[in-house]
Every structure is written in structure tokens, then in C-alpha cells.
Amino acid sequence: MTTIGQPSRRLASTVSVPTNRSTLMEWLGLGALLSVLFVALPLMLVALQTT
């Protein structure tokens, strides 16, 4: 159970202190990946339906 608590604690520390450039870039990359996924998924669904 302790191994499960460690990553969440580390994630909370990165969220509370977003001043580091690396963490900020990681969050930007995550946001870009999520936006691309949200755009690509509907396009793929439409392409599958049209064929």
C-alpha cells in the first residue's frame, strides 16, 4: 500500500509547485497530447462510419 501512496504524493508536489520549467513543459506536453487525442478520436470514428 505504501508503494501506491508514493506516486500520488509526488504528483501532488509537482502540482503544488509548477514553477519548475521541466514540470511545466511536461504539463504542456500532456495537454497537447490530450487535445490531439480528443481531435483524432472523433475524426477516426467519422472515418470508420463513412466507409
PDB file of N, CA and C in Angstrom:
ATOM      1  N   MET A   1       0.843  -1.205   0.000  1.00  0.00           N
ATOM      2  CA  MET A   1       0.000   0.000   0.000  1.00  0.00           C
ATOM      3  C   MET A   1       0.882   1.259   0.000  1.00  0.00           C
ATOM      4  N   THR A   2       2.086   1.143   0.577  1.00  0.00           N
ATOM      5  CA  THR A   2       2.955   2.321   0.629  1.00  0.00           C
ATOM      6  C   THR A   2       3.446   2.698  -0.766  1.00  0.00           C
ATOM      7  N   THR A   3       3.634   1.703  -1.616  1.00  0.00           N
ATOM      8  CA  THR A   3       4.122   1.996  -2.968  1.00  0.00           C
ATOM      9  C   THR A   3       3.077   2.768  -3.759  1.00  0.00           C
ATOM     10  N   ILE A   4       1.790   2.559  -3.436  1.00  0.00           N
ATOM     11  CA  ILE A   4       0.723   3.273  -4.145  1.00  0.00           C
ATOM     12  C   ILE A   4       0.665   4.725  -3.674  1.00  0.00           C
ATOM     13  N   GLY A   5       0.999   4.961  -2.405  1.00  0.00           N
ATOM     14  CA  GLY A   5       0.909   6.312  -1.866  1.00  0.00           C
ATOM     15  C   GLY A   5       2.032   7.221  -2.347  1.00  0.00           C
ATOM     16  N   GLN A   6       3.177   6.640  -2.703  1.00  0.00           N
ATOM     17  CA  GLN A   6       4.321   7.462  -3.095  1.00  0.00           C
ATOM     18  C   GLN A   6       4.099   8.233  -4.400  1.00  0.00           C
ATOM     19  N   PRO A   7       3.638   7.609  -5.483  1.00  0.00           N
ATOM     20  CA  PRO A   7       3.447   8.363  -6.737  1.00  0.00           C
ATOM     21  C   PRO A   7       2.436   9.486  -6.596  1.00  0.00           C
ATOM     22  N   SER A   8       1.349   9.242  -5.857  1.00  0.00           N
ATOM     23  CA  SER A   8       0.331  10.280  -5.689  1.00  0.00           C
ATOM     24  C   SER A   8       0.914  11.467  -4.927  1.00  0.00           C
ATOM     25  N   ARG A   9       1.756  11.181  -3.940  1.00  0.00           N
ATOM     26  CA  ARG A   9       2.368  12.263  -3.170  1.00  0.00           C
ATOM     27  C   ARG A   9       3.308  13.069  -4.061  1.00  0.00           C
ATOM     28  N   ARG A  10       4.075  12.371  -4.897  1.00  0.00           N
ATOM     29  CA  ARG A  10       4.996  13.044  -5.811  1.00  0.00           C
ATOM     30  C   ARG A  10       4.215  13.886  -6.815  1.00  0.00           C
ATOM     31  N   LEU A  11       3.086  13.353  -7.299  1.00  0.00           N
ATOM     32  CA  LEU A  11       2.255  14.085  -8.245  1.00  0.00           C
ATOM     33  C   LEU A  11       1.692  15.332  -7.580  1.00  0.00           C
ATOM     34  N   ALA A  12       1.279  15.212  -6.327  1.00  0.00           N
ATOM     35  CA  ALA A  12       0.730  16.367  -5.613  1.00  0.00           C
ATOM     36  C   ALA A  12       1.797  17.443  -5.446  1.00  0.00           C
ATOM     37  N   SER A  13       3.039  17.035  -5.187  1.00  0.00           N
ATOM     38  CA  SER A  13       4.112  18.018  -5.013  1.00  0.00           C
ATOM     39  C   SER A  13       4.394  18.742  -6.322  1.00  0.00           C
ATOM     40  N   THR A  14       4.336  18.027  -7.443  1.00  0.00           N
ATOM     41  CA  THR A  14       4.585  18.669  -8.736  1.00  0.00           C
ATOM     42  C   THR A  14       3.456  19.625  -9.081  1.00  0.00           C
ATOM     43  N   VAL A  15       2.228  19.282  -8.671  1.00  0.00           N
ATOM     44  CA  VAL A  15       1.087  20.154  -8.963  1.00  0.00           C
ATOM     45  C   VAL A  15       1.148  21.412  -8.104  1.00  0.00           C
ATOM     46  N   SER A  16       1.525  21.264  -6.840  1.00  0.00           N
ATOM     47  CA  SER A  16       1.547  22.413  -5.930  1.00  0.00           C
ATOM     48  C   SER A  16       2.673  23.375  -6.297  1.00  0.00           C
ATOM     49  N   VAL A  17       3.738  22.870  -6.912  1.00  0.00           N
ATOM     50  CA  VAL A  17       4.866  23.742  -7.269  1.00  0.00           C
ATOM     51  C   VAL A  17       5.144  23.634  -8.771  1.00  0.00           C
ATOM     52  N   PRO A  18       4.345  24.345  -9.603  1.00  0.00           N
ATOM     53  CA  PRO A  18       4.536  24.285 -11.056  1.00  0.00           C
ATOM     54  C   PRO A  18       5.537  25.332 -11.544  1.00  0.00           C
ATOM     55  N   THR A  19       6.470  25.754 -10.670  1.00  0.00           N
ATOM     56  CA  THR A  19       7.427  26.784 -11.047  1.00  0.00           C
ATOM     57  C   THR A  19       8.569  26.200 -11.875  1.00  0.00           C
ATOM     58  N   ASN A  20       8.853  24.915 -11.707  1.00  0.00           N
ATOM     59  CA  ASN A  20       9.943  24.300 -12.461  1.00  0.00           C
ATOM     60  C   ASN A  20       9.624  24.269 -13.945  1.00  0.00           C
ATOM     61  N   ARG A  21      10.627  24.553 -14.761  1.00  0.00           N
ATOM     62  CA  ARG A  21      10.420  24.577 -16.214  1.00  0.00           C
ATOM     63  C   ARG A  21      10.085  23.179 -16.728  1.00  0.00           C
ATOM     64  N   SER A  22      10.764  22.159 -16.182  1.00  0.00           N
ATOM     65  CA  SER A  22      10.566  20.796 -16.677  1.00  0.00           C
ATOM     66  C   SER A  22       9.131  20.337 -16.437  1.00  0.00           C
ATOM     67  N   THR A  23       8.614  20.572 -15.227  1.00  0.00           N
ATOM     68  CA  THR A  23       7.251  20.127 -14.928  1.00  0.00           C
ATOM     69  C   THR A  23       6.253  20.892 -15.782  1.00  0.00           C
ATOM     70  N   LEU A  24       6.519  22.188 -15.999  1.00  0.00           N
ATOM     71  CA  LEU A  24       5.613  22.997 -16.815  1.00  0.00           C
ATOM     72  C   LEU A  24       5.590  22.462 -18.240  1.00  0.00           C
ATOM     73  N   MET A  25       6.765  22.116 -18.769  1.00  0.00           N
ATOM     74  CA  MET A  25       6.831  21.566 -20.126  1.00  0.00           C
ATOM     75  C   MET A  25       6.121  20.219 -20.179  1.00  0.00           C
ATOM     76  N   GLU A  26       6.242  19.430 -19.112  1.00  0.00           N
ATOM     77  CA  GLU A  26       5.555  18.136 -19.074  1.00  0.00           C
ATOM     78  C   GLU A  26       4.049  18.329 -19.116  1.00  0.00           C
ATOM     79  N   TRP A  27       3.546  19.315 -18.348  1.00  0.00           N
ATOM     80  CA  TRP A  27       2.105  19.584 -18.343  1.00  0.00           C
ATOM     81  C   TRP A  27       1.652  20.066 -19.709  1.00  0.00           C
ATOM     82  N   LEU A  28       2.477  20.923 -20.369  1.00  0.00           N
ATOM     83  CA  LEU A  28       2.128  21.405 -21.714  1.00  0.00           C
ATOM     84  C   LEU A  28       2.083  20.233 -22.689  1.00  0.00           C
ATOM     85  N   GLY A  29       3.052  19.333 -22.577  1.00  0.00           N
ATOM     86  CA  GLY A  29       3.071  18.164 -23.451  1.00  0.00           C
ATOM     87  C   GLY A  29       1.857  17.283 -23.221  1.00  0.00           C
ATOM     88  N   LEU A  30       1.483  17.097 -21.949  1.00  0.00           N
ATOM     89  CA  LEU A  30       0.292  16.304 -21.634  1.00  0.00           C
ATOM     90  C   LEU A  30      -0.954  16.941 -22.222  1.00  0.00           C
ATOM     91  N   GLY A  31      -1.067  18.252 -22.091  1.00  0.00           N
ATOM     92  CA  GLY A  31      -2.221  18.959 -22.638  1.00  0.00           C
ATOM     93  C   GLY A  31      -2.285  18.821 -24.146  1.00  0.00           C
ATOM     94  N   ALA A  32      -1.130  18.943 -24.809  1.00  0.00           N
ATOM     95  CA  ALA A  32      -1.100  18.817 -26.269  1.00  0.00           C
ATOM     96  C   ALA A  32      -1.504  17.404 -26.681  1.00  0.00           C
ATOM     97  N   LEU A  33      -0.992  16.398 -25.974  1.00  0.00           N
ATOM     98  CA  LEU A  33      -1.344  15.010 -26.293  1.00  0.00           C
ATOM     99  C   LEU A  33      -2.836  14.776 -26.122  1.00  0.00           C
ATOM    100  N   LEU A  34      -3.401  15.291 -25.032  1.00  0.00           N
ATOM    101  CA  LEU A  34      -4.830  15.110 -24.783  1.00  0.00           C
ATOM    102  C   LEU A  34      -5.661  15.793 -25.850  1.00  0.00           C
ATOM    103  N   SER A  35      -5.275  17.014 -26.229  1.00  0.00           N
ATOM    104  CA  SER A  35      -6.035  17.741 -27.257  1.00  0.00           C
ATOM    105  C   SER A  35      -5.964  17.001 -28.586  1.00  0.00           C
ATOM    106  N   VAL A  36      -4.785  16.491 -28.928  1.00  0.00           N
ATOM    107  CA  VAL A  36      -4.635  15.738 -30.181  1.00  0.00           C
ATOM    108  C   VAL A  36      -5.508  14.490 -30.148  1.00  0.00           C
ATOM    109  N   LEU A  37      -5.531  13.810 -28.995  1.00  0.00           N
ATOM    110  CA  LEU A  37      -6.361  12.608 -28.871  1.00  0.00           C
ATOM    111  C   LEU A  37      -7.833  12.952 -29.027  1.00  0.00           C
ATOM    112  N   PHE A  38      -8.265  14.040 -28.391  1.00  0.00           N
ATOM    113  CA  PHE A  38      -9.680  14.426 -28.459  1.00  0.00           C
ATOM    114  C   PHE A  38     -10.068  14.820 -29.870  1.00  0.00           C
ATOM    115  N   VAL A  39      -9.113  15.340 -30.651  1.00  0.00           N
ATOM    116  CA  VAL A  39      -9.415  15.709 -32.040  1.00  0.00           C
ATOM    117  C   VAL A  39      -9.356  14.477 -32.937  1.00  0.00           C
ATOM    118  N   ALA A  40      -8.396  13.588 -32.677  1.00  0.00           N
ATOM    119  CA  ALA A  40      -8.189  12.438 -33.558  1.00  0.00           C
ATOM    120  C   ALA A  40      -9.273  11.376 -33.375  1.00  0.00           C
ATOM    121  N   LEU A  41      -9.738  11.182 -32.143  1.00  0.00           N
ATOM    122  CA  LEU A  41     -10.736  10.135 -31.899  1.00  0.00           C
ATOM    123  C   LEU A  41     -12.029  10.361 -32.676  1.00  0.00           C
ATOM    124  N   PRO A  42     -12.646  11.555 -32.626  1.00  0.00           N
ATOM    125  CA  PRO A  42     -13.873  11.773 -33.413  1.00  0.00           C
ATOM    126  C   PRO A  42     -13.617  11.644 -34.911  1.00  0.00           C
ATOM    127  N   LEU A  43     -12.467  12.121 -35.382  1.00  0.00           N
ATOM    128  CA  LEU A  43     -12.142  12.005 -36.809  1.00  0.00           C
ATOM    129  C   LEU A  43     -12.069  10.538 -37.216  1.00  0.00           C
ATOM    130  N   MET A  44     -11.447   9.706 -36.385  1.00  0.00           N
ATOM    131  CA  MET A  44     -11.355   8.277 -36.682  1.00  0.00           C
ATOM    132  C   MET A  44     -12.741   7.649 -36.679  1.00  0.00           C
ATOM    133  N   LEU A  45     -13.586   8.034 -35.727  1.00  0.00           N
ATOM    134  CA  LEU A  45     -14.944   7.491 -35.668  1.00  0.00           C
ATOM    135  C   LEU A  45     -15.726   7.868 -36.918  1.00  0.00           C
ATOM    136  N   VAL A  46     -15.601   9.115 -37.354  1.00  0.00           N
ATOM    137  CA  VAL A  46     -16.306   9.564 -38.559  1.00  0.00           C
ATOM    138  C   VAL A  46     -15.797   8.806 -39.776  1.00  0.00           C
ATOM    139  N   ALA A  47     -14.483   8.634 -39.859  1.00  0.00           N
ATOM    140  CA  ALA A  47     -13.905   7.920 -40.996  1.00  0.00           C
ATOM    141  C   ALA A  47     -14.394   6.475 -41.022  1.00  0.00           C
ATOM    142  N   LEU A  48     -14.509   5.861 -39.853  1.00  0.00           N
ATOM    143  CA  LEU A  48     -14.985   4.478 -39.795  1.00  0.00           C
ATOM    144  C   LEU A  48     -16.455   4.397 -40.202  1.00  0.00           C
ATOM    145  N   GLN A  49     -17.249   5.392 -39.831  1.00  0.00           N
ATOM    146  CA  GLN A  49     -18.676   5.357 -40.142  1.00  0.00           C
ATOM    147  C   GLN A  49     -18.922   5.593 -41.625  1.00  0.00           C
ATOM    148  N   THR A  50     -18.126   6.473 -42.254  1.00  0.00           N
ATOM    149  CA  THR A  50     -18.353   6.806 -43.660  1.00  0.00           C
ATOM    150  C   THR A  50     -17.999   5.631 -44.558  1.00  0.00           C
ATOM    151  N   THR A  51     -16.986   4.847 -44.183  1.00  0.00           N
ATOM    152  CA  THR A  51     -16.568   3.733 -45.035  1.00  0.00           C
ATOM    153  C   THR A  51     -17.561   2.582 -44.938  1.00  0.00           C
TER     154      THR A  51
END
